[in-house]
Each structure stands twice: as C-alpha cells, then as structure tokens.
Amino acid sequence: MYAIKKPILGFENSLQANFQKINDLFAILQLGENAFTLINPYSLIKDYSFEIPADVKVLLDIKEGDGVYVYAPLVKKEPISESIVNLKAPIIINPKNNTLAQLILDDYGFYKLADFIKE
C-alpha cells in the first residue's frame, strides 16, 4: 500500500493506493474500486523531463540518488493505438518509502499512443 501525499486528480479524497509494476513499460495504480494503467513516459519520449518541485520532494522524502518511478496515466481504447497518454499529469512514486504524488505540468499534454509508434 502506498500513501498518496499529493492528490490524484478526480480522487482527491483517496489517501492510499496499491501500485504494481508490471514490467519496465506498464504499471497498475489501484484506488479503491478503480484501477488505472500507467505507462513509462521515458519509453515513449527519451527527452521527457521536468523538475520535481521541492515541496513534492519533501512530501515523498526524495533524496539525491533515490530511484523514483515516473509513470503517465494511460486511458486505454480500442485499438490500443488510440489510447491516450497523459504526459501532463505524471505520477511520481518513491518505492523506498511507499509514497506517491501526482504533478501537473505546463509543458506537456495528452497524446495518442499512435503518435509514438514508428512505422
């Protein structure tokens, strides 16, 4: 069980979540009855980058060199190439102390998974 230190949009009253890393690409975030697929944004965009704000580093007790996970919410659609990747609101996870938070970024938006698939 992971403590939510900064609310997940739409689930502001949730204080805990289950997080399960499936592989290097996908993970599942479970908030009560709701389960969400997460995707590793670095597998899609090699130069995806942002600064974790100081207040979030404090909330998650992130120290220099800590191995945090960053995942983007994925809204699954059929076909899978039409699924929506939310790069605007990544989930930051500190597996060292089982805490997580969601950020809202100004520099990114929502993209179809097809946008990242090379022919």
N, C-alpha and C. Protein backbone atom coordinates (compact mmCIF):
# COMPACT_ATOMS: atom_id res chain seq x y z
N MET A 1 0.84 -1.17 0.00
CA MET A 1 0.00 0.00 0.00
C MET A 1 0.90 1.25 0.00
N TYR A 2 0.53 2.21 -0.82
CA TYR A 2 1.28 3.46 -0.96
C TYR A 2 0.46 4.62 -0.41
N ALA A 3 1.09 5.49 0.33
CA ALA A 3 0.43 6.69 0.84
C ALA A 3 0.44 7.76 -0.25
N ILE A 4 -0.72 8.34 -0.52
CA ILE A 4 -0.83 9.42 -1.51
C ILE A 4 -0.56 10.73 -0.78
N LYS A 5 0.54 11.37 -1.12
CA LYS A 5 0.97 12.59 -0.44
C LYS A 5 0.49 13.86 -1.14
N LYS A 6 0.16 13.75 -2.41
CA LYS A 6 -0.41 14.87 -3.17
C LYS A 6 -1.50 14.24 -4.03
N PRO A 7 -2.72 14.77 -3.97
CA PRO A 7 -3.88 14.08 -4.54
C PRO A 7 -3.79 13.71 -6.02
N ILE A 8 -4.47 12.61 -6.34
CA ILE A 8 -4.64 12.16 -7.72
C ILE A 8 -5.90 12.84 -8.23
N LEU A 9 -5.81 13.51 -9.39
CA LEU A 9 -6.96 14.22 -9.94
C LEU A 9 -8.17 13.31 -10.06
N GLY A 10 -9.29 13.79 -9.54
CA GLY A 10 -10.53 13.02 -9.56
C GLY A 10 -10.68 12.10 -8.36
N PHE A 11 -9.61 11.94 -7.60
CA PHE A 11 -9.63 11.06 -6.43
C PHE A 11 -9.00 11.79 -5.24
N GLU A 12 -9.38 13.04 -5.07
CA GLU A 12 -8.76 13.90 -4.07
C GLU A 12 -8.93 13.38 -2.64
N ASN A 13 -9.95 12.56 -2.39
CA ASN A 13 -10.18 12.05 -1.04
C ASN A 13 -9.47 10.73 -0.77
N SER A 14 -8.82 10.17 -1.78
CA SER A 14 -8.09 8.92 -1.60
C SER A 14 -6.75 9.20 -0.93
N LEU A 15 -6.49 8.45 0.13
CA LEU A 15 -5.26 8.64 0.88
C LEU A 15 -4.25 7.53 0.65
N GLN A 16 -4.72 6.40 0.06
CA GLN A 16 -3.85 5.27 -0.19
C GLN A 16 -4.18 4.65 -1.53
N ALA A 17 -3.18 3.99 -2.10
CA ALA A 17 -3.36 3.30 -3.38
C ALA A 17 -2.45 2.08 -3.41
N ASN A 18 -2.85 1.11 -4.19
CA ASN A 18 -1.97 -0.02 -4.48
C ASN A 18 -1.27 0.28 -5.79
N PHE A 19 0.01 0.02 -5.81
CA PHE A 19 0.81 0.21 -7.02
C PHE A 19 1.48 -1.11 -7.35
N GLN A 20 1.38 -1.51 -8.61
CA GLN A 20 2.03 -2.75 -9.05
C GLN A 20 2.75 -2.50 -10.35
N LYS A 21 4.05 -2.63 -10.31
CA LYS A 21 4.87 -2.52 -11.53
C LYS A 21 4.74 -3.83 -12.28
N ILE A 22 4.29 -3.78 -13.53
CA ILE A 22 4.12 -4.99 -14.33
C ILE A 22 5.43 -5.34 -15.02
N ASN A 23 6.03 -4.35 -15.67
CA ASN A 23 7.32 -4.52 -16.34
C ASN A 23 7.92 -3.12 -16.50
N ASP A 24 8.93 -2.97 -17.33
CA ASP A 24 9.57 -1.66 -17.49
C ASP A 24 8.69 -0.66 -18.22
N LEU A 25 7.61 -1.13 -18.84
CA LEU A 25 6.73 -0.26 -19.61
C LEU A 25 5.43 0.09 -18.88
N PHE A 26 4.81 -0.90 -18.25
CA PHE A 26 3.48 -0.71 -17.66
C PHE A 26 3.44 -0.95 -16.16
N ALA A 27 2.47 -0.29 -15.53
CA ALA A 27 2.17 -0.50 -14.11
C ALA A 27 0.67 -0.29 -13.92
N ILE A 28 0.18 -0.70 -12.77
CA ILE A 28 -1.24 -0.53 -12.42
C ILE A 28 -1.30 0.27 -11.12
N LEU A 29 -2.20 1.25 -11.09
CA LEU A 29 -2.48 2.01 -9.88
C LEU A 29 -3.93 1.75 -9.51
N GLN A 30 -4.16 1.21 -8.32
CA GLN A 30 -5.50 0.88 -7.85
C GLN A 30 -5.88 1.84 -6.74
N LEU A 31 -6.99 2.57 -6.98
CA LEU A 31 -7.55 3.49 -5.99
C LEU A 31 -8.95 2.97 -5.66
N GLY A 32 -9.07 2.27 -4.55
CA GLY A 32 -10.36 1.67 -4.20
C GLY A 32 -10.79 0.69 -5.28
N GLU A 33 -11.98 0.91 -5.84
CA GLU A 33 -12.53 0.04 -6.87
C GLU A 33 -11.98 0.35 -8.27
N ASN A 34 -11.26 1.43 -8.40
CA ASN A 34 -10.78 1.89 -9.71
C ASN A 34 -9.32 1.52 -9.93
N ALA A 35 -9.05 0.90 -11.09
CA ALA A 35 -7.68 0.55 -11.46
C ALA A 35 -7.31 1.31 -12.73
N PHE A 36 -6.10 1.83 -12.75
CA PHE A 36 -5.62 2.61 -13.88
C PHE A 36 -4.33 2.03 -14.41
N THR A 37 -4.23 2.01 -15.71
CA THR A 37 -2.98 1.60 -16.36
C THR A 37 -2.06 2.81 -16.43
N LEU A 38 -0.82 2.60 -16.09
CA LEU A 38 0.21 3.63 -16.19
C LEU A 38 1.25 3.16 -17.18
N ILE A 39 1.89 4.12 -17.85
CA ILE A 39 2.93 3.79 -18.82
C ILE A 39 4.18 4.61 -18.51
N ASN A 40 5.33 4.01 -18.73
CA ASN A 40 6.59 4.69 -18.52
C ASN A 40 6.77 5.72 -19.64
N PRO A 41 6.71 7.02 -19.33
CA PRO A 41 6.81 8.03 -20.40
C PRO A 41 8.17 8.06 -21.08
N TYR A 42 9.21 7.62 -20.39
CA TYR A 42 10.56 7.62 -20.98
C TYR A 42 10.70 6.57 -22.07
N SER A 43 9.82 5.58 -22.08
CA SER A 43 9.84 4.59 -23.15
C SER A 43 9.24 5.17 -24.43
N LEU A 44 8.49 6.26 -24.30
CA LEU A 44 7.85 6.92 -25.45
C LEU A 44 8.64 8.12 -25.93
N ILE A 45 9.13 8.91 -24.99
CA ILE A 45 9.86 10.15 -25.30
C ILE A 45 11.16 10.14 -24.50
N LYS A 46 12.25 9.95 -25.17
CA LYS A 46 13.55 9.84 -24.48
C LYS A 46 13.92 11.13 -23.74
N ASP A 47 13.49 12.29 -24.26
CA ASP A 47 13.85 13.55 -23.62
C ASP A 47 12.73 14.13 -22.76
N TYR A 48 11.79 13.29 -22.33
CA TYR A 48 10.74 13.73 -21.40
C TYR A 48 11.43 14.11 -20.10
N SER A 49 11.27 15.36 -19.69
CA SER A 49 11.94 15.78 -18.46
C SER A 49 11.19 16.93 -17.81
N PHE A 50 11.36 16.99 -16.51
CA PHE A 50 10.78 18.06 -15.70
C PHE A 50 11.46 18.00 -14.34
N GLU A 51 11.36 19.08 -13.61
CA GLU A 51 11.90 19.13 -12.25
C GLU A 51 10.79 18.75 -11.28
N ILE A 52 11.10 17.85 -10.38
CA ILE A 52 10.15 17.56 -9.31
C ILE A 52 10.24 18.73 -8.34
N PRO A 53 9.11 19.40 -8.09
CA PRO A 53 9.13 20.57 -7.19
C PRO A 53 9.64 20.20 -5.80
N ALA A 54 10.28 21.17 -5.16
CA ALA A 54 10.87 20.96 -3.83
C ALA A 54 9.84 20.47 -2.83
N ASP A 55 8.61 21.00 -2.87
CA ASP A 55 7.60 20.57 -1.90
C ASP A 55 7.22 19.10 -2.09
N VAL A 56 7.23 18.63 -3.33
CA VAL A 56 6.92 17.22 -3.60
C VAL A 56 8.09 16.34 -3.15
N LYS A 57 9.32 16.81 -3.35
CA LYS A 57 10.48 16.06 -2.86
C LYS A 57 10.40 15.88 -1.35
N VAL A 58 9.96 16.93 -0.65
CA VAL A 58 9.81 16.84 0.80
C VAL A 58 8.68 15.88 1.16
N LEU A 59 7.53 16.01 0.48
CA LEU A 59 6.38 15.14 0.77
C LEU A 59 6.72 13.67 0.58
N LEU A 60 7.49 13.36 -0.48
CA LEU A 60 7.83 11.98 -0.78
C LEU A 60 9.16 11.56 -0.17
N ASP A 61 9.82 12.48 0.54
CA ASP A 61 11.11 12.24 1.16
C ASP A 61 12.12 11.72 0.13
N ILE A 62 12.19 12.41 -1.01
CA ILE A 62 13.10 12.03 -2.09
C ILE A 62 14.47 12.66 -1.82
N LYS A 63 15.47 11.80 -1.78
CA LYS A 63 16.84 12.24 -1.59
C LYS A 63 17.61 12.08 -2.90
N GLU A 64 18.69 12.81 -3.05
CA GLU A 64 19.55 12.70 -4.24
C GLU A 64 19.95 11.24 -4.44
N GLY A 65 19.73 10.74 -5.64
CA GLY A 65 20.09 9.37 -5.95
C GLY A 65 19.02 8.33 -5.68
N ASP A 66 17.91 8.75 -5.05
CA ASP A 66 16.81 7.80 -4.83
C ASP A 66 16.23 7.39 -6.18
N GLY A 67 15.89 6.16 -6.31
CA GLY A 67 15.34 5.62 -7.55
C GLY A 67 13.82 5.75 -7.59
N VAL A 68 13.34 6.93 -7.93
CA VAL A 68 11.89 7.12 -8.02
C VAL A 68 11.39 6.62 -9.38
N TYR A 69 10.12 6.24 -9.41
CA TYR A 69 9.46 5.86 -10.66
C TYR A 69 8.62 7.04 -11.13
N VAL A 70 8.54 7.19 -12.43
CA VAL A 70 7.65 8.18 -13.04
C VAL A 70 6.79 7.44 -14.06
N TYR A 71 5.48 7.58 -13.93
CA TYR A 71 4.55 6.95 -14.86
C TYR A 71 3.51 7.97 -15.31
N ALA A 72 3.03 7.80 -16.52
CA ALA A 72 1.96 8.64 -17.07
C ALA A 72 0.68 7.82 -17.12
N PRO A 73 -0.44 8.41 -16.73
CA PRO A 73 -1.72 7.70 -16.86
C PRO A 73 -2.01 7.39 -18.33
N LEU A 74 -2.60 6.24 -18.57
CA LEU A 74 -2.94 5.79 -19.91
C LEU A 74 -4.43 5.46 -19.94
N VAL A 75 -5.16 6.13 -20.82
CA VAL A 75 -6.59 5.82 -21.00
C VAL A 75 -6.67 4.84 -22.16
N LYS A 76 -6.97 3.58 -21.83
CA LYS A 76 -6.97 2.53 -22.86
C LYS A 76 -8.19 2.63 -23.76
N LYS A 77 -7.95 2.48 -25.06
CA LYS A 77 -9.00 2.49 -26.07
C LYS A 77 -8.72 1.38 -27.07
N GLU A 78 -9.71 1.06 -27.86
CA GLU A 78 -9.55 0.08 -28.95
C GLU A 78 -9.63 0.81 -30.27
N PRO A 79 -8.71 0.61 -31.17
CA PRO A 79 -7.49 -0.19 -30.99
C PRO A 79 -6.54 0.50 -30.01
N ILE A 80 -5.58 -0.25 -29.51
CA ILE A 80 -4.65 0.26 -28.50
C ILE A 80 -3.91 1.51 -28.97
N SER A 81 -3.71 1.65 -30.26
CA SER A 81 -3.01 2.83 -30.79
C SER A 81 -3.79 4.12 -30.55
N GLU A 82 -5.10 4.00 -30.28
CA GLU A 82 -5.94 5.17 -30.00
C GLU A 82 -5.95 5.54 -28.51
N SER A 83 -5.27 4.75 -27.69
CA SER A 83 -5.19 5.04 -26.26
C SER A 83 -4.54 6.40 -26.04
N ILE A 84 -4.94 7.07 -24.97
CA ILE A 84 -4.46 8.42 -24.68
C ILE A 84 -3.43 8.37 -23.55
N VAL A 85 -2.27 8.96 -23.81
CA VAL A 85 -1.19 9.06 -22.82
C VAL A 85 -1.24 10.47 -22.23
N ASN A 86 -1.35 10.55 -20.91
CA ASN A 86 -1.43 11.83 -20.22
C ASN A 86 -0.04 12.20 -19.70
N LEU A 87 0.72 12.91 -20.52
CA LEU A 87 2.06 13.34 -20.11
C LEU A 87 2.00 14.60 -19.24
N LYS A 88 0.83 15.20 -19.15
CA LYS A 88 0.65 16.43 -18.38
C LYS A 88 0.58 16.17 -16.87
N ALA A 89 0.16 14.97 -16.48
CA ALA A 89 -0.08 14.69 -15.06
C ALA A 89 0.60 13.39 -14.61
N PRO A 90 1.94 13.37 -14.61
CA PRO A 90 2.64 12.14 -14.23
C PRO A 90 2.47 11.81 -12.74
N ILE A 91 2.60 10.52 -12.46
CA ILE A 91 2.58 10.03 -11.09
C ILE A 91 4.03 9.77 -10.70
N ILE A 92 4.45 10.36 -9.59
CA ILE A 92 5.80 10.18 -9.06
C ILE A 92 5.70 9.21 -7.89
N ILE A 93 6.53 8.16 -7.91
CA ILE A 93 6.44 7.11 -6.91
C ILE A 93 7.80 6.92 -6.26
N ASN A 94 7.81 6.94 -4.93
CA ASN A 94 9.03 6.64 -4.20
C ASN A 94 8.86 5.25 -3.58
N PRO A 95 9.42 4.21 -4.24
CA PRO A 95 9.26 2.85 -3.72
C PRO A 95 10.02 2.60 -2.42
N LYS A 96 10.95 3.50 -2.11
CA LYS A 96 11.76 3.34 -0.90
C LYS A 96 10.90 3.48 0.36
N ASN A 97 9.88 4.38 0.30
CA ASN A 97 9.03 4.57 1.47
C ASN A 97 7.53 4.44 1.15
N ASN A 98 7.22 3.90 -0.04
CA ASN A 98 5.83 3.65 -0.43
C ASN A 98 4.96 4.91 -0.38
N THR A 99 5.44 5.96 -1.05
CA THR A 99 4.66 7.19 -1.17
C THR A 99 4.55 7.56 -2.65
N LEU A 100 3.52 8.33 -2.98
CA LEU A 100 3.35 8.78 -4.35
C LEU A 100 2.62 10.11 -4.39
N ALA A 101 2.73 10.78 -5.54
CA ALA A 101 2.08 12.07 -5.74
C ALA A 101 1.87 12.27 -7.24
N GLN A 102 0.88 13.08 -7.57
CA GLN A 102 0.66 13.44 -8.98
C GLN A 102 1.05 14.89 -9.18
N LEU A 103 1.76 15.14 -10.26
CA LEU A 103 2.14 16.50 -10.64
C LEU A 103 1.27 16.95 -11.80
N ILE A 104 1.14 18.25 -11.97
CA ILE A 104 0.51 18.83 -13.15
C ILE A 104 1.57 19.70 -13.82
N LEU A 105 1.91 19.35 -15.06
CA LEU A 105 2.96 20.05 -15.80
C LEU A 105 2.37 20.95 -16.86
N ASP A 106 2.98 22.10 -17.07
CA ASP A 106 2.52 23.03 -18.10
C ASP A 106 3.07 22.70 -19.49
N ASP A 107 4.22 22.01 -19.51
CA ASP A 107 4.93 21.81 -20.79
C ASP A 107 4.46 20.61 -21.61
N TYR A 108 3.57 19.80 -21.06
CA TYR A 108 3.13 18.60 -21.75
C TYR A 108 1.61 18.53 -21.80
N GLY A 109 1.09 17.62 -22.61
CA GLY A 109 -0.35 17.48 -22.76
C GLY A 109 -0.76 16.03 -22.89
N PHE A 110 -1.80 15.81 -23.70
CA PHE A 110 -2.37 14.48 -23.93
C PHE A 110 -2.05 14.06 -25.36
N TYR A 111 -1.66 12.81 -25.55
CA TYR A 111 -1.25 12.33 -26.86
C TYR A 111 -1.82 10.94 -27.11
N LYS A 112 -2.10 10.64 -28.36
CA LYS A 112 -2.50 9.28 -28.71
C LYS A 112 -1.25 8.41 -28.72
N LEU A 113 -1.40 7.19 -28.30
CA LEU A 113 -0.28 6.26 -28.31
C LEU A 113 0.27 6.11 -29.73
N ALA A 114 -0.60 6.21 -30.71
CA ALA A 114 -0.18 6.13 -32.13
C ALA A 114 0.84 7.20 -32.48
N ASP A 115 0.82 8.34 -31.77
CA ASP A 115 1.79 9.42 -32.04
C ASP A 115 3.22 8.97 -31.78
N PHE A 116 3.39 7.93 -30.98
CA PHE A 116 4.73 7.46 -30.61
C PHE A 116 5.16 6.21 -31.36
N ILE A 117 4.25 5.65 -32.13
CA ILE A 117 4.55 4.41 -32.84
C ILE A 117 5.17 4.74 -34.19
N LYS A 118 6.36 4.23 -34.39
CA LYS A 118 7.07 4.45 -35.65
C LYS A 118 6.72 3.34 -36.63
N GLU A 119 6.45 3.70 -37.85
CA GLU A 119 6.11 2.70 -38.88
C GLU A 119 7.37 2.03 -39.37
